[in-house]
Amino acid sequence: MAKEKTLEDLFYDTLKDIYFAERQILRALPKMARAAQSSELKAGFQKHLEETEAQVERLQQVFEKIGKRAQGKTCEAIQGIIAEGEEIIEEFKGTTALDAGLISAAQAVEHYEIARYGTLKTWAATLGLKDVVSLLDQTLQEETSTDKKLSQLATTAANQKAKAA
């Protein structure tokens, strides 16, 4: 008979998922930065690349704290979201709508990460992993902040530029 799956198993499985996702995001962000037209958006992607590197390190600490090897598990959701971003780059290259599209793709990534980190943080608290909660919360706050900055860039510049053309 199969072993009963627990919240700890689900936590570990989801941790592997977001670890894979973050590593994929590390590869996608430089492409997005190169494609961005506005210097502000380019800088935003560069800053988030640095944050993502720190987030991967934090995830490695979480694995260590739960006594597991840091490893990823293929995350088809993030692969799909990144593929959509790559399609936007291809289809809107050289147009005034490109930055608005890049922001929408980046926000899809952020919303996925916010959902994952929020869930992991809640599960970590339920499992009594207080030091893990703080690591996950730090990343959750960064992801939420990035999402707000992207919204601001969209509403103050990129969307209007795309509309005006």
N, C-alpha and C. Protein backbone atom coordinates (compact mmCIF):
# COMPACT_ATOMS: atom_id res chain seq x y z
N MET A 1 0.84 -1.19 0.00
CA MET A 1 0.00 0.00 0.00
C MET A 1 0.88 1.25 0.00
N ALA A 2 0.47 2.26 -0.76
CA ALA A 2 1.24 3.50 -0.88
C ALA A 2 1.24 4.27 0.44
N LYS A 3 2.37 4.90 0.71
CA LYS A 3 2.50 5.70 1.93
C LYS A 3 1.58 6.93 1.83
N GLU A 4 0.95 7.25 2.92
CA GLU A 4 0.09 8.42 2.99
C GLU A 4 0.94 9.68 2.79
N LYS A 5 0.51 10.57 1.90
CA LYS A 5 1.21 11.83 1.65
C LYS A 5 0.79 12.84 2.73
N THR A 6 1.76 13.64 3.15
CA THR A 6 1.52 14.60 4.22
C THR A 6 1.73 16.03 3.73
N LEU A 7 1.44 16.98 4.60
CA LEU A 7 1.70 18.38 4.30
C LEU A 7 3.20 18.61 4.11
N GLU A 8 4.02 17.89 4.85
CA GLU A 8 5.48 17.99 4.66
C GLU A 8 5.87 17.56 3.25
N ASP A 9 5.26 16.49 2.76
CA ASP A 9 5.53 16.02 1.39
C ASP A 9 5.10 17.08 0.38
N LEU A 10 3.94 17.66 0.60
CA LEU A 10 3.42 18.68 -0.30
C LEU A 10 4.31 19.93 -0.27
N PHE A 11 4.77 20.30 0.91
CA PHE A 11 5.67 21.45 1.07
C PHE A 11 6.95 21.21 0.27
N TYR A 12 7.55 20.05 0.44
CA TYR A 12 8.80 19.71 -0.25
C TYR A 12 8.59 19.69 -1.77
N ASP A 13 7.50 19.10 -2.21
CA ASP A 13 7.21 19.03 -3.64
C ASP A 13 7.04 20.43 -4.23
N THR A 14 6.34 21.30 -3.54
CA THR A 14 6.11 22.66 -4.01
C THR A 14 7.40 23.48 -3.95
N LEU A 15 8.22 23.22 -2.96
CA LEU A 15 9.52 23.87 -2.85
C LEU A 15 10.39 23.53 -4.07
N LYS A 16 10.37 22.27 -4.46
CA LYS A 16 11.14 21.85 -5.65
C LYS A 16 10.59 22.55 -6.91
N ASP A 17 9.28 22.71 -6.96
CA ASP A 17 8.63 23.38 -8.09
C ASP A 17 9.11 24.83 -8.21
N ILE A 18 9.07 25.58 -7.11
CA ILE A 18 9.46 26.99 -7.17
C ILE A 18 10.97 27.13 -7.36
N TYR A 19 11.74 26.19 -6.89
CA TYR A 19 13.19 26.22 -7.11
C TYR A 19 13.47 26.09 -8.60
N PHE A 20 12.81 25.16 -9.26
CA PHE A 20 12.95 25.01 -10.71
C PHE A 20 12.51 26.30 -11.40
N ALA A 21 11.36 26.83 -10.97
CA ALA A 21 10.82 28.04 -11.58
C ALA A 21 11.79 29.21 -11.47
N GLU A 22 12.35 29.42 -10.29
CA GLU A 22 13.28 30.54 -10.09
C GLU A 22 14.50 30.40 -10.99
N ARG A 23 14.97 29.20 -11.15
CA ARG A 23 16.15 28.99 -12.01
C ARG A 23 15.81 29.25 -13.47
N GLN A 24 14.60 28.94 -13.88
CA GLN A 24 14.16 29.27 -15.24
C GLN A 24 14.02 30.78 -15.41
N ILE A 25 13.53 31.43 -14.38
CA ILE A 25 13.37 32.89 -14.41
C ILE A 25 14.73 33.57 -14.53
N LEU A 26 15.73 33.02 -13.87
CA LEU A 26 17.09 33.56 -13.99
C LEU A 26 17.56 33.56 -15.44
N ARG A 27 17.15 32.58 -16.20
CA ARG A 27 17.54 32.51 -17.61
C ARG A 27 16.69 33.42 -18.48
N ALA A 28 15.45 33.68 -18.08
CA ALA A 28 14.54 34.49 -18.90
C ALA A 28 14.75 36.00 -18.71
N LEU A 29 15.10 36.41 -17.50
CA LEU A 29 15.20 37.85 -17.22
C LEU A 29 16.20 38.60 -18.09
N PRO A 30 17.39 38.06 -18.36
CA PRO A 30 18.30 38.80 -19.25
C PRO A 30 17.72 39.01 -20.65
N LYS A 31 16.98 38.03 -21.15
CA LYS A 31 16.34 38.17 -22.47
C LYS A 31 15.30 39.28 -22.43
N MET A 32 14.54 39.33 -21.34
CA MET A 32 13.52 40.37 -21.20
C MET A 32 14.17 41.74 -21.09
N ALA A 33 15.26 41.83 -20.35
CA ALA A 33 15.96 43.10 -20.19
C ALA A 33 16.49 43.58 -21.55
N ARG A 34 17.06 42.67 -22.33
CA ARG A 34 17.57 43.04 -23.66
C ARG A 34 16.44 43.50 -24.58
N ALA A 35 15.29 42.88 -24.46
CA ALA A 35 14.16 43.20 -25.34
C ALA A 35 13.47 44.50 -24.95
N ALA A 36 13.50 44.87 -23.68
CA ALA A 36 12.80 46.06 -23.21
C ALA A 36 13.30 47.30 -23.92
N GLN A 37 12.39 48.20 -24.23
CA GLN A 37 12.75 49.43 -24.92
C GLN A 37 13.06 50.57 -23.95
N SER A 38 12.30 50.69 -22.88
CA SER A 38 12.55 51.79 -21.94
C SER A 38 13.70 51.43 -21.00
N SER A 39 14.50 52.43 -20.71
CA SER A 39 15.64 52.20 -19.81
C SER A 39 15.15 51.85 -18.40
N GLU A 40 13.99 52.38 -18.02
CA GLU A 40 13.44 52.09 -16.70
C GLU A 40 13.04 50.61 -16.59
N LEU A 41 12.44 50.07 -17.64
CA LEU A 41 12.05 48.67 -17.62
C LEU A 41 13.28 47.77 -17.68
N LYS A 42 14.25 48.12 -18.50
CA LYS A 42 15.51 47.36 -18.55
C LYS A 42 16.13 47.30 -17.16
N ALA A 43 16.20 48.44 -16.48
CA ALA A 43 16.78 48.51 -15.14
C ALA A 43 15.96 47.68 -14.15
N GLY A 44 14.65 47.70 -14.30
CA GLY A 44 13.78 46.92 -13.42
C GLY A 44 14.04 45.42 -13.57
N PHE A 45 14.20 44.97 -14.81
CA PHE A 45 14.50 43.56 -15.05
C PHE A 45 15.88 43.19 -14.49
N GLN A 46 16.85 44.09 -14.64
CA GLN A 46 18.20 43.83 -14.10
C GLN A 46 18.15 43.72 -12.58
N LYS A 47 17.42 44.64 -11.94
CA LYS A 47 17.31 44.61 -10.48
C LYS A 47 16.63 43.32 -10.04
N HIS A 48 15.60 42.91 -10.76
CA HIS A 48 14.90 41.69 -10.37
C HIS A 48 15.76 40.46 -10.60
N LEU A 49 16.65 40.52 -11.57
CA LEU A 49 17.60 39.42 -11.78
C LEU A 49 18.46 39.24 -10.53
N GLU A 50 18.96 40.35 -9.99
CA GLU A 50 19.77 40.29 -8.77
C GLU A 50 18.95 39.75 -7.60
N GLU A 51 17.71 40.22 -7.48
CA GLU A 51 16.83 39.73 -6.41
C GLU A 51 16.59 38.23 -6.56
N THR A 52 16.39 37.79 -7.79
CA THR A 52 16.10 36.38 -8.05
C THR A 52 17.29 35.51 -7.67
N GLU A 53 18.50 35.99 -7.93
CA GLU A 53 19.69 35.25 -7.51
C GLU A 53 19.69 35.07 -5.99
N ALA A 54 19.34 36.12 -5.26
CA ALA A 54 19.26 36.03 -3.79
C ALA A 54 18.12 35.10 -3.37
N GLN A 55 17.03 35.10 -4.12
CA GLN A 55 15.90 34.23 -3.81
C GLN A 55 16.26 32.77 -3.99
N VAL A 56 17.04 32.46 -5.00
CA VAL A 56 17.51 31.09 -5.20
C VAL A 56 18.38 30.67 -4.02
N GLU A 57 19.24 31.57 -3.57
CA GLU A 57 20.08 31.27 -2.40
C GLU A 57 19.22 31.04 -1.16
N ARG A 58 18.17 31.84 -1.00
CA ARG A 58 17.26 31.65 0.13
C ARG A 58 16.57 30.31 0.06
N LEU A 59 16.15 29.91 -1.13
CA LEU A 59 15.52 28.59 -1.29
C LEU A 59 16.49 27.48 -0.92
N GLN A 60 17.75 27.65 -1.28
CA GLN A 60 18.76 26.66 -0.91
C GLN A 60 18.87 26.57 0.61
N GLN A 61 18.74 27.70 1.28
CA GLN A 61 18.75 27.70 2.76
C GLN A 61 17.54 26.96 3.31
N VAL A 62 16.38 27.14 2.65
CA VAL A 62 15.17 26.45 3.09
C VAL A 62 15.37 24.93 2.96
N PHE A 63 15.89 24.49 1.83
CA PHE A 63 16.16 23.06 1.66
C PHE A 63 17.07 22.56 2.78
N GLU A 64 18.10 23.32 3.06
CA GLU A 64 19.05 22.94 4.11
C GLU A 64 18.36 22.83 5.47
N LYS A 65 17.50 23.80 5.77
CA LYS A 65 16.82 23.82 7.07
C LYS A 65 15.85 22.66 7.25
N ILE A 66 15.31 22.15 6.13
CA ILE A 66 14.40 21.00 6.25
C ILE A 66 15.14 19.68 6.01
N GLY A 67 16.45 19.77 5.85
CA GLY A 67 17.26 18.57 5.71
C GLY A 67 17.14 17.85 4.39
N LYS A 68 16.85 18.59 3.34
CA LYS A 68 16.69 18.00 2.01
C LYS A 68 17.68 18.64 1.04
N ARG A 69 18.03 17.88 0.02
CA ARG A 69 18.92 18.38 -1.03
C ARG A 69 18.16 19.36 -1.91
N ALA A 70 18.80 20.49 -2.25
CA ALA A 70 18.18 21.46 -3.14
C ALA A 70 18.10 20.87 -4.54
N GLN A 71 16.88 20.68 -5.01
CA GLN A 71 16.67 20.16 -6.35
C GLN A 71 15.35 20.69 -6.89
N GLY A 72 15.31 20.82 -8.19
CA GLY A 72 14.10 21.29 -8.82
C GLY A 72 13.26 20.15 -9.34
N LYS A 73 12.01 20.48 -9.60
CA LYS A 73 11.06 19.56 -10.21
C LYS A 73 10.42 20.34 -11.36
N THR A 74 10.42 19.79 -12.53
CA THR A 74 9.92 20.51 -13.70
C THR A 74 8.57 21.16 -13.40
N CYS A 75 8.53 22.45 -13.67
CA CYS A 75 7.33 23.26 -13.45
C CYS A 75 6.80 23.68 -14.82
N GLU A 76 5.81 22.97 -15.29
CA GLU A 76 5.25 23.27 -16.61
C GLU A 76 4.57 24.63 -16.62
N ALA A 77 4.04 25.05 -15.50
CA ALA A 77 3.36 26.35 -15.43
C ALA A 77 4.34 27.47 -15.77
N ILE A 78 5.49 27.48 -15.14
CA ILE A 78 6.45 28.57 -15.39
C ILE A 78 7.01 28.46 -16.79
N GLN A 79 7.19 27.25 -17.28
CA GLN A 79 7.67 27.09 -18.66
C GLN A 79 6.67 27.70 -19.64
N GLY A 80 5.40 27.51 -19.39
CA GLY A 80 4.37 28.09 -20.25
C GLY A 80 4.33 29.60 -20.16
N ILE A 81 4.44 30.13 -18.96
CA ILE A 81 4.42 31.58 -18.77
C ILE A 81 5.64 32.21 -19.46
N ILE A 82 6.79 31.60 -19.31
CA ILE A 82 8.01 32.12 -19.96
C ILE A 82 7.88 32.02 -21.48
N ALA A 83 7.32 30.94 -21.97
CA ALA A 83 7.12 30.79 -23.42
C ALA A 83 6.21 31.88 -23.96
N GLU A 84 5.18 32.23 -23.20
CA GLU A 84 4.30 33.32 -23.62
C GLU A 84 5.08 34.63 -23.70
N GLY A 85 5.96 34.87 -22.74
CA GLY A 85 6.80 36.06 -22.77
C GLY A 85 7.70 36.09 -23.98
N GLU A 86 8.25 34.95 -24.33
CA GLU A 86 9.11 34.85 -25.52
C GLU A 86 8.31 35.12 -26.79
N GLU A 87 7.06 34.67 -26.83
CA GLU A 87 6.18 34.95 -27.97
C GLU A 87 5.93 36.44 -28.11
N ILE A 88 5.72 37.11 -26.98
CA ILE A 88 5.50 38.56 -27.01
C ILE A 88 6.74 39.26 -27.58
N ILE A 89 7.91 38.84 -27.13
CA ILE A 89 9.15 39.43 -27.64
C ILE A 89 9.22 39.27 -29.16
N GLU A 90 8.91 38.09 -29.66
CA GLU A 90 8.97 37.81 -31.11
C GLU A 90 7.90 38.61 -31.88
N GLU A 91 6.68 38.55 -31.39
CA GLU A 91 5.56 39.13 -32.13
C GLU A 91 5.49 40.65 -32.06
N PHE A 92 6.03 41.25 -30.99
CA PHE A 92 5.89 42.69 -30.82
C PHE A 92 7.22 43.44 -30.89
N LYS A 93 8.26 42.73 -31.29
CA LYS A 93 9.59 43.34 -31.41
C LYS A 93 9.51 44.59 -32.30
N GLY A 94 10.10 45.69 -31.80
CA GLY A 94 10.14 46.92 -32.58
C GLY A 94 8.86 47.73 -32.56
N THR A 95 7.85 47.30 -31.81
CA THR A 95 6.59 48.06 -31.75
C THR A 95 6.49 48.81 -30.44
N THR A 96 5.61 49.81 -30.41
CA THR A 96 5.42 50.59 -29.19
C THR A 96 4.70 49.78 -28.11
N ALA A 97 4.12 48.65 -28.49
CA ALA A 97 3.39 47.82 -27.52
C ALA A 97 4.30 46.81 -26.81
N LEU A 98 5.57 46.71 -27.24
CA LEU A 98 6.45 45.68 -26.68
C LEU A 98 6.59 45.79 -25.17
N ASP A 99 6.90 46.97 -24.66
CA ASP A 99 7.11 47.10 -23.21
C ASP A 99 5.85 46.75 -22.42
N ALA A 100 4.69 47.15 -22.91
CA ALA A 100 3.43 46.79 -22.23
C ALA A 100 3.28 45.27 -22.20
N GLY A 101 3.64 44.61 -23.30
CA GLY A 101 3.57 43.16 -23.35
C GLY A 101 4.57 42.50 -22.43
N LEU A 102 5.79 43.05 -22.38
CA LEU A 102 6.81 42.50 -21.47
C LEU A 102 6.37 42.63 -20.01
N ILE A 103 5.77 43.76 -19.69
CA ILE A 103 5.28 43.96 -18.32
C ILE A 103 4.19 42.94 -18.00
N SER A 104 3.29 42.70 -18.95
CA SER A 104 2.23 41.72 -18.69
C SER A 104 2.81 40.33 -18.48
N ALA A 105 3.83 39.98 -19.27
CA ALA A 105 4.47 38.67 -19.11
C ALA A 105 5.18 38.58 -17.77
N ALA A 106 5.87 39.65 -17.39
CA ALA A 106 6.58 39.67 -16.11
C ALA A 106 5.59 39.57 -14.94
N GLN A 107 4.45 40.22 -15.07
CA GLN A 107 3.47 40.15 -13.99
C GLN A 107 2.86 38.76 -13.89
N ALA A 108 2.72 38.06 -14.99
CA ALA A 108 2.23 36.67 -14.92
C ALA A 108 3.21 35.83 -14.10
N VAL A 109 4.50 36.05 -14.32
CA VAL A 109 5.53 35.36 -13.54
C VAL A 109 5.40 35.74 -12.07
N GLU A 110 5.31 37.04 -11.80
CA GLU A 110 5.22 37.51 -10.41
C GLU A 110 4.00 36.93 -9.71
N HIS A 111 2.88 36.89 -10.38
CA HIS A 111 1.66 36.38 -9.75
C HIS A 111 1.79 34.89 -9.44
N TYR A 112 2.45 34.15 -10.31
CA TYR A 112 2.71 32.74 -10.03
C TYR A 112 3.58 32.62 -8.79
N GLU A 113 4.65 33.41 -8.74
CA GLU A 113 5.57 33.35 -7.60
C GLU A 113 4.88 33.77 -6.31
N ILE A 114 4.08 34.82 -6.37
CA ILE A 114 3.36 35.29 -5.17
C ILE A 114 2.45 34.17 -4.65
N ALA A 115 1.76 33.49 -5.55
CA ALA A 115 0.89 32.38 -5.14
C ALA A 115 1.70 31.26 -4.48
N ARG A 116 2.81 30.89 -5.09
CA ARG A 116 3.64 29.81 -4.55
C ARG A 116 4.24 30.19 -3.20
N TYR A 117 4.85 31.36 -3.12
CA TYR A 117 5.50 31.75 -1.87
C TYR A 117 4.49 31.98 -0.75
N GLY A 118 3.31 32.50 -1.08
CA GLY A 118 2.27 32.66 -0.07
C GLY A 118 1.85 31.32 0.51
N THR A 119 1.66 30.36 -0.37
CA THR A 119 1.27 29.02 0.05
C THR A 119 2.37 28.37 0.88
N LEU A 120 3.61 28.44 0.38
CA LEU A 120 4.73 27.83 1.11
C LEU A 120 4.91 28.45 2.50
N LYS A 121 4.76 29.76 2.57
CA LYS A 121 4.89 30.45 3.86
C LYS A 121 3.82 29.96 4.85
N THR A 122 2.59 29.84 4.36
CA THR A 122 1.49 29.37 5.22
C THR A 122 1.75 27.94 5.68
N TRP A 123 2.18 27.09 4.76
CA TRP A 123 2.46 25.70 5.13
C TRP A 123 3.63 25.62 6.10
N ALA A 124 4.66 26.43 5.87
CA ALA A 124 5.81 26.43 6.78
C ALA A 124 5.37 26.81 8.19
N ALA A 125 4.49 27.79 8.29
CA ALA A 125 3.97 28.20 9.61
C ALA A 125 3.19 27.05 10.24
N THR A 126 2.35 26.39 9.46
CA THR A 126 1.57 25.26 9.96
C THR A 126 2.47 24.13 10.45
N LEU A 127 3.59 23.94 9.74
CA LEU A 127 4.54 22.89 10.09
C LEU A 127 5.50 23.31 11.20
N GLY A 128 5.38 24.54 11.68
CA GLY A 128 6.23 25.02 12.77
C GLY A 128 7.66 25.35 12.34
N LEU A 129 7.85 25.67 11.09
CA LEU A 129 9.18 25.99 10.56
C LEU A 129 9.40 27.51 10.58
N LYS A 130 9.54 28.07 11.78
CA LYS A 130 9.59 29.53 11.94
C LYS A 130 10.71 30.19 11.16
N ASP A 131 11.91 29.61 11.16
CA ASP A 131 13.02 30.23 10.43
C ASP A 131 12.81 30.14 8.92
N VAL A 132 12.07 29.14 8.47
CA VAL A 132 11.74 29.01 7.05
C VAL A 132 10.68 30.05 6.67
N VAL A 133 9.74 30.29 7.56
CA VAL A 133 8.69 31.28 7.32
C VAL A 133 9.32 32.64 6.99
N SER A 134 10.32 33.04 7.77
CA SER A 134 10.93 34.36 7.56
C SER A 134 11.66 34.42 6.22
N LEU A 135 12.31 33.35 5.82
CA LEU A 135 12.99 33.32 4.51
C LEU A 135 11.97 33.43 3.37
N LEU A 136 10.90 32.68 3.47
CA LEU A 136 9.87 32.71 2.44
C LEU A 136 9.15 34.06 2.41
N ASP A 137 8.93 34.63 3.59
CA ASP A 137 8.26 35.93 3.65
C ASP A 137 9.11 37.02 3.01
N GLN A 138 10.40 36.96 3.20
CA GLN A 138 11.29 37.96 2.58
C GLN A 138 11.13 37.93 1.06
N THR A 139 11.12 36.74 0.50
CA THR A 139 10.95 36.60 -0.95
C THR A 139 9.55 37.03 -1.37
N LEU A 140 8.54 36.65 -0.61
CA LEU A 140 7.17 37.04 -0.93
C LEU A 140 7.05 38.56 -0.98
N GLN A 141 7.67 39.26 -0.03
CA GLN A 141 7.62 40.72 -0.01
C GLN A 141 8.32 41.31 -1.24
N GLU A 142 9.44 40.72 -1.65
CA GLU A 142 10.14 41.20 -2.85
C GLU A 142 9.29 41.00 -4.10
N GLU A 143 8.64 39.85 -4.20
CA GLU A 143 7.81 39.57 -5.37
C GLU A 143 6.62 40.52 -5.43
N THR A 144 6.02 40.79 -4.29
CA THR A 144 4.89 41.71 -4.23
C THR A 144 5.33 43.12 -4.62
N SER A 145 6.49 43.53 -4.14
CA SER A 145 7.03 44.84 -4.47
C SER A 145 7.32 44.95 -5.96
N THR A 146 7.89 43.92 -6.54
CA THR A 146 8.18 43.92 -7.98
C THR A 146 6.89 44.03 -8.78
N ASP A 147 5.86 43.32 -8.37
CA ASP A 147 4.57 43.38 -9.06
C ASP A 147 4.02 44.80 -9.03
N LYS A 148 4.12 45.46 -7.89
CA LYS A 148 3.62 46.85 -7.77
C LYS A 148 4.42 47.79 -8.67
N LYS A 149 5.74 47.60 -8.71
CA LYS A 149 6.57 48.45 -9.57
C LYS A 149 6.22 48.24 -11.04
N LEU A 150 5.97 47.00 -11.42
CA LEU A 150 5.58 46.71 -12.80
C LEU A 150 4.24 47.38 -13.13
N SER A 151 3.30 47.32 -12.20
CA SER A 151 2.00 47.97 -12.42
C SER A 151 2.18 49.47 -12.60
N GLN A 152 3.05 50.05 -11.80
CA GLN A 152 3.30 51.49 -11.90
C GLN A 152 3.92 51.84 -13.25
N LEU A 153 4.90 51.05 -13.69
CA LEU A 153 5.52 51.28 -15.00
C LEU A 153 4.48 51.16 -16.12
N ALA A 154 3.61 50.19 -15.99
CA ALA A 154 2.58 49.99 -17.02
C ALA A 154 1.64 51.18 -17.10
N THR A 155 1.15 51.61 -15.94
CA THR A 155 0.13 52.67 -15.94
C THR A 155 0.70 54.06 -16.19
N THR A 156 1.95 54.29 -15.82
CA THR A 156 2.51 55.63 -15.99
C THR A 156 3.22 55.81 -17.33
N ALA A 157 3.56 54.75 -18.03
CA ALA A 157 4.31 54.92 -19.27
C ALA A 157 3.95 53.92 -20.36
N ALA A 158 4.21 52.65 -20.13
CA ALA A 158 4.16 51.65 -21.20
C ALA A 158 2.78 51.53 -21.85
N ASN A 159 1.72 51.49 -21.07
CA ASN A 159 0.38 51.33 -21.64
C ASN A 159 -0.01 52.54 -22.48
N GLN A 160 0.32 53.73 -21.98
CA GLN A 160 -0.02 54.95 -22.72
C GLN A 160 0.78 55.05 -24.02
N LYS A 161 2.04 54.65 -23.96
CA LYS A 161 2.88 54.66 -25.16
C LYS A 161 2.32 53.69 -26.19
N ALA A 162 1.90 52.52 -25.74
CA ALA A 162 1.35 51.51 -26.66
C ALA A 162 0.03 52.00 -27.27
N LYS A 163 -0.77 52.68 -26.47
CA LYS A 163 -2.07 53.17 -26.92
C LYS A 163 -1.90 54.31 -27.94
N ALA A 164 -0.94 55.21 -27.67
CA ALA A 164 -0.75 56.40 -28.51
C ALA A 164 -0.33 56.05 -29.93
N ALA A 165 0.33 54.95 -30.10
CA ALA A 165 0.79 54.57 -31.44
C ALA A 165 -0.36 54.13 -32.24
